[in-house]
Amino acid sequence: VLTWQSLASVGIPGATINIIVKASRFAVARSPLALPAAVIKWSPTFIGLGSIPLIIHPIDTAVDYFMDSTYRPMTKSWLAATADDERNSGA
């Protein structure tokens, strides 16, 4: 659970939002429109915050797929091997 939580709730969303804010800051700075200073300063932040509802489901689905394809099978086989070792050693 901690691995999934770290990936799906902290690491990947943080990196994704960071990229969105950087891209929107780049776009606003290069805009041919004369934008007020407050719009230039705050619109990338609001765009990043507004993207959160759009990125939640795809990230959760991708992390589930990743965990089902890699981490969960590895830990399942490791736990089974550990349990077999304990049973065989008489512990």
PDB file of N, CA and C in Angstrom:
ATOM      1  N   VAL A   1       0.833  -1.192   0.000  1.00  0.00           N
ATOM      2  CA  VAL A   1       0.000   0.000   0.000  1.00  0.00           C
ATOM      3  C   VAL A   1       0.873   1.250   0.000  1.00  0.00           C
ATOM      4  N   LEU A   2       1.955   1.242   0.778  1.00  0.00           N
ATOM      5  CA  LEU A   2       2.808   2.422   0.851  1.00  0.00           C
ATOM      6  C   LEU A   2       3.474   2.720  -0.492  1.00  0.00           C
ATOM      7  N   THR A   3       3.862   1.683  -1.213  1.00  0.00           N
ATOM      8  CA  THR A   3       4.483   1.899  -2.526  1.00  0.00           C
ATOM      9  C   THR A   3       3.485   2.518  -3.493  1.00  0.00           C
ATOM     10  N   TRP A   4       2.270   1.965  -3.537  1.00  0.00           N
ATOM     11  CA  TRP A   4       1.243   2.514  -4.426  1.00  0.00           C
ATOM     12  C   TRP A   4       0.933   3.964  -4.046  1.00  0.00           C
ATOM     13  N   GLN A   5       0.776   4.204  -2.766  1.00  0.00           N
ATOM     14  CA  GLN A   5       0.455   5.552  -2.280  1.00  0.00           C
ATOM     15  C   GLN A   5       1.564   6.537  -2.654  1.00  0.00           C
ATOM     16  N   SER A   6       2.810   6.106  -2.493  1.00  0.00           N
ATOM     17  CA  SER A   6       3.941   6.982  -2.820  1.00  0.00           C
ATOM     18  C   SER A   6       3.963   7.334  -4.297  1.00  0.00           C
ATOM     19  N   LEU A   7       3.682   6.355  -5.140  1.00  0.00           N
ATOM     20  CA  LEU A   7       3.691   6.611  -6.580  1.00  0.00           C
ATOM     21  C   LEU A   7       2.462   7.387  -7.040  1.00  0.00           C
ATOM     22  N   ALA A   8       1.273   6.902  -6.652  1.00  0.00           N
ATOM     23  CA  ALA A   8       0.023   7.449  -7.200  1.00  0.00           C
ATOM     24  C   ALA A   8      -0.402   8.753  -6.548  1.00  0.00           C
ATOM     25  N   SER A   9       0.044   9.022  -5.340  1.00  0.00           N
ATOM     26  CA  SER A   9      -0.426  10.223  -4.650  1.00  0.00           C
ATOM     27  C   SER A   9       0.643  11.284  -4.443  1.00  0.00           C
ATOM     28  N   VAL A  10       1.908  10.911  -4.560  1.00  0.00           N
ATOM     29  CA  VAL A  10       2.965  11.875  -4.261  1.00  0.00           C
ATOM     30  C   VAL A  10       3.892  12.069  -5.468  1.00  0.00           C
ATOM     31  N   GLY A  11       4.594  11.024  -5.849  1.00  0.00           N
ATOM     32  CA  GLY A  11       5.652  11.156  -6.846  1.00  0.00           C
ATOM     33  C   GLY A  11       5.191  11.546  -8.228  1.00  0.00           C
ATOM     34  N   ILE A  12       4.343  10.741  -8.810  1.00  0.00           N
ATOM     35  CA  ILE A  12       3.925  10.974 -10.197  1.00  0.00           C
ATOM     36  C   ILE A  12       3.046  12.227 -10.328  1.00  0.00           C
ATOM     37  N   PRO A  13       2.046  12.438  -9.446  1.00  0.00           N
ATOM     38  CA  PRO A  13       1.270  13.680  -9.579  1.00  0.00           C
ATOM     39  C   PRO A  13       2.122  14.934  -9.385  1.00  0.00           C
ATOM     40  N   GLY A  14       3.049  14.883  -8.434  1.00  0.00           N
ATOM     41  CA  GLY A  14       3.912  16.046  -8.217  1.00  0.00           C
ATOM     42  C   GLY A  14       4.732  16.381  -9.441  1.00  0.00           C
ATOM     43  N   ALA A  15       5.322  15.361 -10.048  1.00  0.00           N
ATOM     44  CA  ALA A  15       6.117  15.581 -11.256  1.00  0.00           C
ATOM     45  C   ALA A  15       5.246  16.055 -12.419  1.00  0.00           C
ATOM     46  N   THR A  16       4.059  15.469 -12.547  1.00  0.00           N
ATOM     47  CA  THR A  16       3.152  15.849 -13.636  1.00  0.00           C
ATOM     48  C   THR A  16       2.689  17.294 -13.498  1.00  0.00           C
ATOM     49  N   ILE A  17       2.287  17.669 -12.301  1.00  0.00           N
ATOM     50  CA  ILE A  17       1.840  19.051 -12.077  1.00  0.00           C
ATOM     51  C   ILE A  17       2.995  20.025 -12.290  1.00  0.00           C
ATOM     52  N   ASN A  18       4.190  19.639 -11.863  1.00  0.00           N
ATOM     53  CA  ASN A  18       5.358  20.482 -12.075  1.00  0.00           C
ATOM     54  C   ASN A  18       5.573  20.737 -13.569  1.00  0.00           C
ATOM     55  N   ILE A  19       5.457  19.701 -14.374  1.00  0.00           N
ATOM     56  CA  ILE A  19       5.626  19.842 -15.824  1.00  0.00           C
ATOM     57  C   ILE A  19       4.532  20.731 -16.413  1.00  0.00           C
ATOM     58  N   ILE A  20       3.298  20.556 -15.951  1.00  0.00           N
ATOM     59  CA  ILE A  20       2.180  21.378 -16.442  1.00  0.00           C
ATOM     60  C   ILE A  20       2.401  22.844 -16.094  1.00  0.00           C
ATOM     61  N   VAL A  21       2.825  23.116 -14.872  1.00  0.00           N
ATOM     62  CA  VAL A  21       3.064  24.505 -14.451  1.00  0.00           C
ATOM     63  C   VAL A  21       4.217  25.108 -15.258  1.00  0.00           C
ATOM     64  N   LYS A  22       5.290  24.349 -15.449  1.00  0.00           N
ATOM     65  CA  LYS A  22       6.415  24.864 -16.246  1.00  0.00           C
ATOM     66  C   LYS A  22       5.987  25.170 -17.678  1.00  0.00           C
ATOM     67  N   ALA A  23       5.209  24.265 -18.274  1.00  0.00           N
ATOM     68  CA  ALA A  23       4.753  24.478 -19.651  1.00  0.00           C
ATOM     69  C   ALA A  23       3.822  25.684 -19.750  1.00  0.00           C
ATOM     70  N   SER A  24       2.922  25.826 -18.782  1.00  0.00           N
ATOM     71  CA  SER A  24       2.006  26.968 -18.829  1.00  0.00           C
ATOM     72  C   SER A  24       2.745  28.272 -18.536  1.00  0.00           C
ATOM     73  N   ARG A  25       3.755  28.232 -17.659  1.00  0.00           N
ATOM     74  CA  ARG A  25       4.562  29.430 -17.411  1.00  0.00           C
ATOM     75  C   ARG A  25       5.306  29.834 -18.685  1.00  0.00           C
ATOM     76  N   PHE A  26       5.841  28.856 -19.396  1.00  0.00           N
ATOM     77  CA  PHE A  26       6.515  29.109 -20.666  1.00  0.00           C
ATOM     78  C   PHE A  26       5.550  29.723 -21.673  1.00  0.00           C
ATOM     79  N   ALA A  27       4.338  29.144 -21.776  1.00  0.00           N
ATOM     80  CA  ALA A  27       3.345  29.637 -22.731  1.00  0.00           C
ATOM     81  C   ALA A  27       2.882  31.053 -22.389  1.00  0.00           C
ATOM     82  N   VAL A  28       2.660  31.320 -21.118  1.00  0.00           N
ATOM     83  CA  VAL A  28       2.212  32.657 -20.710  1.00  0.00           C
ATOM     84  C   VAL A  28       3.307  33.686 -20.958  1.00  0.00           C
ATOM     85  N   ALA A  29       4.544  33.323 -20.662  1.00  0.00           N
ATOM     86  CA  ALA A  29       5.656  34.262 -20.871  1.00  0.00           C
ATOM     87  C   ALA A  29       5.857  34.577 -22.348  1.00  0.00           C
ATOM     88  N   ARG A  30       5.546  33.644 -23.222  1.00  0.00           N
ATOM     89  CA  ARG A  30       5.742  33.837 -24.665  1.00  0.00           C
ATOM     90  C   ARG A  30       4.465  34.296 -25.371  1.00  0.00           C
ATOM     91  N   SER A  31       3.422  34.580 -24.618  1.00  0.00           N
ATOM     92  CA  SER A  31       2.157  34.989 -25.219  1.00  0.00           C
ATOM     93  C   SER A  31       2.304  36.332 -25.929  1.00  0.00           C
ATOM     94  N   PRO A  32       1.732  36.447 -27.127  1.00  0.00           N
ATOM     95  CA  PRO A  32       1.804  37.728 -27.833  1.00  0.00           C
ATOM     96  C   PRO A  32       0.836  38.764 -27.236  1.00  0.00           C
ATOM     97  N   LEU A  33      -0.043  38.331 -26.351  1.00  0.00           N
ATOM     98  CA  LEU A  33      -0.996  39.250 -25.730  1.00  0.00           C
ATOM     99  C   LEU A  33      -0.328  40.021 -24.598  1.00  0.00           C
ATOM    100  N   ALA A  34      -0.766  41.231 -24.386  1.00  0.00           N
ATOM    101  CA  ALA A  34      -0.283  42.029 -23.261  1.00  0.00           C
ATOM    102  C   ALA A  34      -1.102  41.627 -22.034  1.00  0.00           C
ATOM    103  N   LEU A  35      -0.545  40.767 -21.222  1.00  0.00           N
ATOM    104  CA  LEU A  35      -1.260  40.258 -20.051  1.00  0.00           C
ATOM    105  C   LEU A  35      -0.847  41.033 -18.804  1.00  0.00           C
ATOM    106  N   PRO A  36      -1.800  41.237 -17.898  1.00  0.00           N
ATOM    107  CA  PRO A  36      -1.456  41.897 -16.637  1.00  0.00           C
ATOM    108  C   PRO A  36      -0.455  41.044 -15.843  1.00  0.00           C
ATOM    109  N   ALA A  37       0.332  41.696 -15.007  1.00  0.00           N
ATOM    110  CA  ALA A  37       1.360  41.014 -14.216  1.00  0.00           C
ATOM    111  C   ALA A  37       0.759  39.920 -13.336  1.00  0.00           C
ATOM    112  N   ALA A  38      -0.418  40.165 -12.773  1.00  0.00           N
ATOM    113  CA  ALA A  38      -1.056  39.158 -11.911  1.00  0.00           C
ATOM    114  C   ALA A  38      -1.419  37.905 -12.700  1.00  0.00           C
ATOM    115  N   VAL A  39      -1.846  38.060 -13.937  1.00  0.00           N
ATOM    116  CA  VAL A  39      -2.184  36.908 -14.783  1.00  0.00           C
ATOM    117  C   VAL A  39      -0.915  36.124 -15.113  1.00  0.00           C
ATOM    118  N   ILE A  40       0.138  36.824 -15.437  1.00  0.00           N
ATOM    119  CA  ILE A  40       1.406  36.167 -15.752  1.00  0.00           C
ATOM    120  C   ILE A  40       1.919  35.391 -14.538  1.00  0.00           C
ATOM    121  N   LYS A  41       1.762  35.973 -13.370  1.00  0.00           N
ATOM    122  CA  LYS A  41       2.278  35.347 -12.148  1.00  0.00           C
ATOM    123  C   LYS A  41       1.427  34.163 -11.694  1.00  0.00           C
ATOM    124  N   TRP A  42       0.110  34.300 -11.698  1.00  0.00           N
ATOM    125  CA  TRP A  42      -0.751  33.311 -11.047  1.00  0.00           C
ATOM    126  C   TRP A  42      -1.411  32.292 -11.973  1.00  0.00           C
ATOM    127  N   SER A  43      -1.538  32.580 -13.262  1.00  0.00           N
ATOM    128  CA  SER A  43      -2.237  31.632 -14.136  1.00  0.00           C
ATOM    129  C   SER A  43      -1.544  30.272 -14.222  1.00  0.00           C
ATOM    130  N   PRO A  44      -0.216  30.169 -14.259  1.00  0.00           N
ATOM    131  CA  PRO A  44       0.385  28.826 -14.256  1.00  0.00           C
ATOM    132  C   PRO A  44       0.028  28.009 -13.008  1.00  0.00           C
ATOM    133  N   THR A  45      -0.039  28.670 -11.863  1.00  0.00           N
ATOM    134  CA  THR A  45      -0.417  27.978 -10.629  1.00  0.00           C
ATOM    135  C   THR A  45      -1.852  27.479 -10.710  1.00  0.00           C
ATOM    136  N   PHE A  46      -2.757  28.320 -11.176  1.00  0.00           N
ATOM    137  CA  PHE A  46      -4.164  27.918 -11.288  1.00  0.00           C
ATOM    138  C   PHE A  46      -4.352  26.820 -12.345  1.00  0.00           C
ATOM    139  N   ILE A  47      -3.588  26.883 -13.413  1.00  0.00           N
ATOM    140  CA  ILE A  47      -3.660  25.827 -14.428  1.00  0.00           C
ATOM    141  C   ILE A  47      -3.182  24.505 -13.832  1.00  0.00           C
ATOM    142  N   GLY A  48      -2.101  24.541 -13.068  1.00  0.00           N
ATOM    143  CA  GLY A  48      -1.605  23.338 -12.407  1.00  0.00           C
ATOM    144  C   GLY A  48      -2.617  22.761 -11.439  1.00  0.00           C
ATOM    145  N   LEU A  49      -3.222  23.617 -10.627  1.00  0.00           N
ATOM    146  CA  LEU A  49      -4.247  23.149  -9.684  1.00  0.00           C
ATOM    147  C   LEU A  49      -5.477  22.629 -10.416  1.00  0.00           C
ATOM    148  N   GLY A  50      -5.838  23.293 -11.495  1.00  0.00           N
ATOM    149  CA  GLY A  50      -7.001  22.864 -12.271  1.00  0.00           C
ATOM    150  C   GLY A  50      -6.784  21.542 -12.993  1.00  0.00           C
ATOM    151  N   SER A  51      -5.537  21.177 -13.193  1.00  0.00           N
ATOM    152  CA  SER A  51      -5.252  19.914 -13.884  1.00  0.00           C
ATOM    153  C   SER A  51      -5.404  18.701 -12.974  1.00  0.00           C
ATOM    154  N   ILE A  52      -5.436  18.903 -11.676  1.00  0.00           N
ATOM    155  CA  ILE A  52      -5.476  17.783 -10.734  1.00  0.00           C
ATOM    156  C   ILE A  52      -6.647  16.839 -11.000  1.00  0.00           C
ATOM    157  N   PRO A  53      -7.882  17.329 -11.143  1.00  0.00           N
ATOM    158  CA  PRO A  53      -8.977  16.383 -11.404  1.00  0.00           C
ATOM    159  C   PRO A  53      -8.822  15.610 -12.718  1.00  0.00           C
ATOM    160  N   LEU A  54      -8.086  16.174 -13.663  1.00  0.00           N
ATOM    161  CA  LEU A  54      -7.916  15.519 -14.962  1.00  0.00           C
ATOM    162  C   LEU A  54      -6.827  14.450 -14.948  1.00  0.00           C
ATOM    163  N   ILE A  55      -5.881  14.547 -14.026  1.00  0.00           N
ATOM    164  CA  ILE A  55      -4.756  13.611 -14.032  1.00  0.00           C
ATOM    165  C   ILE A  55      -4.913  12.474 -13.027  1.00  0.00           C
ATOM    166  N   ILE A  56      -5.855  12.562 -12.109  1.00  0.00           N
ATOM    167  CA  ILE A  56      -5.975  11.565 -11.042  1.00  0.00           C
ATOM    168  C   ILE A  56      -6.246  10.167 -11.603  1.00  0.00           C
ATOM    169  N   HIS A  57      -7.286  10.015 -12.390  1.00  0.00           N
ATOM    170  CA  HIS A  57      -7.677   8.687 -12.870  1.00  0.00           C
ATOM    171  C   HIS A  57      -6.607   8.052 -13.769  1.00  0.00           C
ATOM    172  N   PRO A  58      -6.058   8.769 -14.745  1.00  0.00           N
ATOM    173  CA  PRO A  58      -5.016   8.143 -15.572  1.00  0.00           C
ATOM    174  C   PRO A  58      -3.782   7.718 -14.767  1.00  0.00           C
ATOM    175  N   ILE A  59      -3.392   8.518 -13.780  1.00  0.00           N
ATOM    176  CA  ILE A  59      -2.233   8.152 -12.963  1.00  0.00           C
ATOM    177  C   ILE A  59      -2.543   6.930 -12.121  1.00  0.00           C
ATOM    178  N   ASP A  60      -3.699   6.905 -11.469  1.00  0.00           N
ATOM    179  CA  ASP A  60      -4.077   5.740 -10.654  1.00  0.00           C
ATOM    180  C   ASP A  60      -4.118   4.467 -11.494  1.00  0.00           C
ATOM    181  N   THR A  61      -4.687   4.564 -12.688  1.00  0.00           N
ATOM    182  CA  THR A  61      -4.773   3.405 -13.576  1.00  0.00           C
ATOM    183  C   THR A  61      -3.381   2.944 -14.002  1.00  0.00           C
ATOM    184  N   ALA A  62      -2.517   3.881 -14.342  1.00  0.00           N
ATOM    185  CA  ALA A  62      -1.155   3.530 -14.766  1.00  0.00           C
ATOM    186  C   ALA A  62      -0.365   2.897 -13.618  1.00  0.00           C
ATOM    187  N   VAL A  63      -0.511   3.433 -12.418  1.00  0.00           N
ATOM    188  CA  VAL A  63       0.209   2.867 -11.276  1.00  0.00           C
ATOM    189  C   VAL A  63      -0.329   1.475 -10.954  1.00  0.00           C
ATOM    190  N   ASP A  64      -1.638   1.279 -11.018  1.00  0.00           N
ATOM    191  CA  ASP A  64      -2.205  -0.060 -10.815  1.00  0.00           C
ATOM    192  C   ASP A  64      -1.624  -1.047 -11.828  1.00  0.00           C
ATOM    193  N   TYR A  65      -1.579  -0.660 -13.096  1.00  0.00           N
ATOM    194  CA  TYR A  65      -1.037  -1.527 -14.138  1.00  0.00           C
ATOM    195  C   TYR A  65       0.430  -1.843 -13.860  1.00  0.00           C
ATOM    196  N   PHE A  66       1.206  -0.816 -13.521  1.00  0.00           N
ATOM    197  CA  PHE A  66       2.622  -0.998 -13.218  1.00  0.00           C
ATOM    198  C   PHE A  66       2.818  -1.948 -12.038  1.00  0.00           C
ATOM    199  N   MET A  67       2.049  -1.728 -10.979  1.00  0.00           N
ATOM    200  CA  MET A  67       2.174  -2.574  -9.788  1.00  0.00           C
ATOM    201  C   MET A  67       1.741  -4.008 -10.092  1.00  0.00           C
ATOM    202  N   ASP A  68       0.672  -4.172 -10.865  1.00  0.00           N
ATOM    203  CA  ASP A  68       0.198  -5.519 -11.221  1.00  0.00           C
ATOM    204  C   ASP A  68       1.185  -6.247 -12.131  1.00  0.00           C
ATOM    205  N   SER A  69       1.926  -5.500 -12.930  1.00  0.00           N
ATOM    206  CA  SER A  69       2.858  -6.103 -13.879  1.00  0.00           C
ATOM    207  C   SER A  69       4.235  -6.385 -13.286  1.00  0.00           C
ATOM    208  N   THR A  70       4.612  -5.662 -12.253  1.00  0.00           N
ATOM    209  CA  THR A  70       5.984  -5.792 -11.747  1.00  0.00           C
ATOM    210  C   THR A  70       6.037  -6.075 -10.248  1.00  0.00           C
ATOM    211  N   TYR A  71       5.691  -5.103  -9.483  1.00  0.00           N
ATOM    212  CA  TYR A  71       5.910  -5.142  -8.040  1.00  0.00           C
ATOM    213  C   TYR A  71       5.117  -6.239  -7.334  1.00  0.00           C
ATOM    214  N   ARG A  72       3.838  -6.333  -7.608  1.00  0.00           N
ATOM    215  CA  ARG A  72       3.002  -7.319  -6.905  1.00  0.00           C
ATOM    216  C   ARG A  72       3.416  -8.757  -7.203  1.00  0.00           C
ATOM    217  N   PRO A  73       3.690  -9.136  -8.453  1.00  0.00           N
ATOM    218  CA  PRO A  73       4.164 -10.507  -8.681  1.00  0.00           C
ATOM    219  C   PRO A  73       5.504 -10.794  -7.989  1.00  0.00           C
ATOM    220  N   MET A  74       6.407  -9.814  -7.987  1.00  0.00           N
ATOM    221  CA  MET A  74       7.699 -10.022  -7.332  1.00  0.00           C
ATOM    222  C   MET A  74       7.532 -10.219  -5.835  1.00  0.00           C
ATOM    223  N   THR A  75       6.728  -9.371  -5.216  1.00  0.00           N
ATOM    224  CA  THR A  75       6.563  -9.500  -3.769  1.00  0.00           C
ATOM    225  C   THR A  75       5.772 -10.752  -3.417  1.00  0.00           C
ATOM    226  N   LYS A  76       4.842 -11.140  -4.259  1.00  0.00           N
ATOM    227  CA  LYS A  76       4.070 -12.362  -3.996  1.00  0.00           C
ATOM    228  C   LYS A  76       4.993 -13.580  -4.021  1.00  0.00           C
ATOM    229  N   SER A  77       5.857 -13.657  -5.029  1.00  0.00           N
ATOM    230  CA  SER A  77       6.774 -14.796  -5.095  1.00  0.00           C
ATOM    231  C   SER A  77       7.804 -14.742  -3.976  1.00  0.00           C
ATOM    232  N   TRP A  78       8.254 -13.562  -3.610  1.00  0.00           N
ATOM    233  CA  TRP A  78       9.205 -13.422  -2.506  1.00  0.00           C
ATOM    234  C   TRP A  78       8.565 -13.857  -1.188  1.00  0.00           C
ATOM    235  N   LEU A  79       7.327 -13.431  -0.950  1.00  0.00           N
ATOM    236  CA  LEU A  79       6.633 -13.826   0.281  1.00  0.00           C
ATOM    237  C   LEU A  79       6.387 -15.333   0.321  1.00  0.00           C
ATOM    238  N   ALA A  80       6.046 -15.914  -0.821  1.00  0.00           N
ATOM    239  CA  ALA A  80       5.824 -17.358  -0.871  1.00  0.00           C
ATOM    240  C   ALA A  80       7.125 -18.103  -0.585  1.00  0.00           C
ATOM    241  N   ALA A  81       8.227 -17.657  -1.151  1.00  0.00           N
ATOM    242  CA  ALA A  81       9.535 -18.288  -0.916  1.00  0.00           C
ATOM    243  C   ALA A  81       9.940 -18.152   0.552  1.00  0.00           C
ATOM    244  N   THR A  82       9.695 -16.989   1.142  1.00  0.00           N
ATOM    245  CA  THR A  82      10.020 -16.768   2.545  1.00  0.00           C
ATOM    246  C   THR A  82       9.191 -17.686   3.442  1.00  0.00           C
ATOM    247  N   ALA A  83       7.916 -17.833   3.122  1.00  0.00           N
ATOM    248  CA  ALA A  83       7.057 -18.714   3.915  1.00  0.00           C
ATOM    249  C   ALA A  83       7.495 -20.169   3.780  1.00  0.00           C
ATOM    250  N   ASP A  84       7.896 -20.577   2.568  1.00  0.00           N
ATOM    251  CA  ASP A  84       8.386 -21.945   2.367  1.00  0.00           C
ATOM    252  C   ASP A  84       9.659 -22.183   3.164  1.00  0.00           C
ATOM    253  N   ASP A  85      10.565 -21.188   3.171  1.00  0.00           N
ATOM    254  CA  ASP A  85      11.801 -21.317   3.930  1.00  0.00           C
ATOM    255  C   ASP A  85      11.523 -21.474   5.421  1.00  0.00           C
ATOM    256  N   GLU A  86      10.578 -20.716   5.923  1.00  0.00           N
ATOM    257  CA  GLU A  86      10.240 -20.786   7.342  1.00  0.00           C
ATOM    258  C   GLU A  86       9.627 -22.144   7.687  1.00  0.00           C
ATOM    259  N   ARG A  87       8.771 -22.639   6.803  1.00  0.00           N
ATOM    260  CA  ARG A  87       8.153 -23.944   7.048  1.00  0.00           C
ATOM    261  C   ARG A  87       9.194 -25.067   7.022  1.00  0.00           C
ATOM    262  N   ASN A  88      10.140 -24.968   6.084  1.00  0.00           N
ATOM    263  CA  ASN A  88      11.155 -25.999   5.946  1.00  0.00           C
ATOM    264  C   ASN A  88      12.200 -25.967   7.061  1.00  0.00           C
ATOM    265  N   SER A  89      12.409 -24.780   7.644  1.00  0.00           N
ATOM    266  CA  SER A  89      13.414 -24.674   8.705  1.00  0.00           C
ATOM    267  C   SER A  89      12.826 -25.016  10.067  1.00  0.00           C
ATOM    268  N   GLY A  90      11.532 -25.178  10.126  1.00  0.00           N
ATOM    269  CA  GLY A  90      10.871 -25.540  11.387  1.00  0.00           C
ATOM    270  C   GLY A  90      10.590 -24.351  12.290  1.00  0.00           C
ATOM    271  N   ALA A  91      10.654 -23.168  11.754  1.00  0.00           N
ATOM    272  CA  ALA A  91      10.418 -21.966  12.555  1.00  0.00           C
ATOM    273  C   ALA A  91       8.955 -21.755  12.830  1.00  0.00           C
TER     274      ALA A  91
END
